[in-house]
Amino acid sequence: MSGLVLDGLLALALLWIAARTLTTRDLVQAAVLFIAFGLTMSLAWARLAAPDLAIAEAAIGAGLTGALVLDAVGALRGRAPAELTAAEDEE
């Protein structure tokens, strides 16, 4: 019974983190929530008895991709607003 409650809480946490990640306006907060989602997803994979996927999700999904997203946010914050609009016009 306690396993079912834990699985339900894990599913609700994943849904809440995903919704907050998609609705937040602050890019740094969205990046941190993205990392938290990856770590929570790795817990879900561990609960589903898939330790290989849990390790891969933690390493790639939360670790590597999260670091790249945070680096991209930092690079965007370092640009002047004119550079941002010029880059958007080129696309």
Protein backbone atom coordinates (compact mmCIF):
# COMPACT_ATOMS: atom_id res chain seq x y z
CA MET A 1 0.00 0.00 0.00
CA SER A 2 2.80 2.44 0.82
CA GLY A 3 4.41 1.72 -2.56
CA LEU A 4 1.22 2.77 -4.31
CA VAL A 5 1.11 6.01 -2.33
CA LEU A 6 4.75 6.70 -3.19
CA ASP A 7 4.07 6.05 -6.88
CA GLY A 8 1.09 8.41 -6.80
CA LEU A 9 3.09 11.14 -5.12
CA LEU A 10 5.89 10.67 -7.63
CA ALA A 11 3.45 10.97 -10.53
CA LEU A 12 1.89 14.10 -9.03
CA ALA A 13 5.34 15.59 -8.46
CA LEU A 14 6.27 14.95 -12.10
CA LEU A 15 3.08 16.60 -13.33
CA TRP A 16 3.52 19.60 -11.01
CA ILE A 17 7.18 20.12 -11.96
CA ALA A 18 6.36 19.81 -15.67
CA ALA A 19 3.53 22.35 -15.38
CA ARG A 20 5.69 24.79 -13.42
CA THR A 21 8.53 24.40 -15.92
CA LEU A 22 6.28 25.23 -18.84
CA THR A 23 4.47 28.15 -17.19
CA THR A 24 7.29 30.02 -15.48
CA ARG A 25 8.57 33.22 -17.07
CA ASP A 26 12.00 33.18 -15.42
CA LEU A 27 14.47 31.24 -17.57
CA VAL A 28 16.77 30.32 -14.68
CA GLN A 29 13.85 28.96 -12.68
CA ALA A 30 12.67 27.00 -15.73
CA ALA A 31 16.17 25.53 -16.16
CA VAL A 32 16.35 24.51 -12.49
CA LEU A 33 12.88 22.98 -12.69
CA PHE A 34 13.98 21.11 -15.83
CA ILE A 35 16.86 19.61 -13.85
CA ALA A 36 14.50 18.75 -10.99
CA PHE A 37 12.17 17.06 -13.48
CA GLY A 38 15.03 14.93 -14.78
CA LEU A 39 16.03 13.87 -11.28
CA THR A 40 12.43 13.08 -10.35
CA MET A 41 12.04 11.12 -13.58
CA SER A 42 15.12 9.10 -12.67
CA LEU A 43 13.41 8.22 -9.38
CA ALA A 44 10.37 7.10 -11.35
CA TRP A 45 12.55 4.86 -13.53
CA ALA A 46 14.12 3.39 -10.40
CA ARG A 47 10.64 2.66 -8.99
CA LEU A 48 9.79 0.90 -12.27
CA ALA A 49 12.79 -1.40 -11.73
CA ALA A 50 14.79 0.09 -14.60
CA PRO A 51 18.06 1.14 -12.96
CA ASP A 52 19.86 1.53 -16.29
CA LEU A 53 17.30 4.10 -17.44
CA ALA A 54 17.40 5.80 -14.04
CA ILE A 55 21.17 6.27 -14.25
CA ALA A 56 20.98 7.46 -17.86
CA GLU A 57 18.20 9.93 -17.03
CA ALA A 58 20.11 11.32 -14.06
CA ALA A 59 23.37 11.62 -15.99
CA ILE A 60 22.11 12.81 -19.37
CA GLY A 61 18.67 14.28 -18.70
CA ALA A 62 19.41 16.14 -15.50
CA GLY A 63 23.18 16.43 -15.52
CA LEU A 64 24.47 17.09 -19.02
CA THR A 65 21.37 18.63 -20.57
CA GLY A 66 20.65 20.67 -17.45
CA ALA A 67 24.15 22.10 -17.48
CA LEU A 68 23.83 22.99 -21.16
CA VAL A 69 20.47 24.69 -20.60
CA LEU A 70 21.87 26.71 -17.68
CA ASP A 71 24.86 27.70 -19.81
CA ALA A 72 22.53 28.81 -22.62
CA VAL A 73 20.48 30.89 -20.18
CA GLY A 74 23.67 32.49 -18.89
CA ALA A 75 24.78 33.28 -22.42
CA LEU A 76 21.40 34.85 -23.20
CA ARG A 77 21.54 37.00 -20.09
CA GLY A 78 24.98 38.25 -21.08
CA ARG A 79 23.71 39.62 -24.40
CA ALA A 80 22.39 43.11 -24.92
CA PRO A 81 18.71 43.40 -25.90
CA ALA A 82 19.68 44.68 -29.39
CA GLU A 83 21.72 41.52 -29.98
CA LEU A 84 18.75 39.36 -29.02
CA THR A 85 16.37 41.05 -31.44
CA ALA A 86 18.97 40.94 -34.23
CA ALA A 87 19.43 37.19 -33.66
CA GLU A 88 15.66 36.66 -33.75
CA ASP A 89 15.36 38.65 -37.00
CA GLU A 90 17.96 36.46 -38.67
CA GLU A 91 15.95 33.32 -37.95
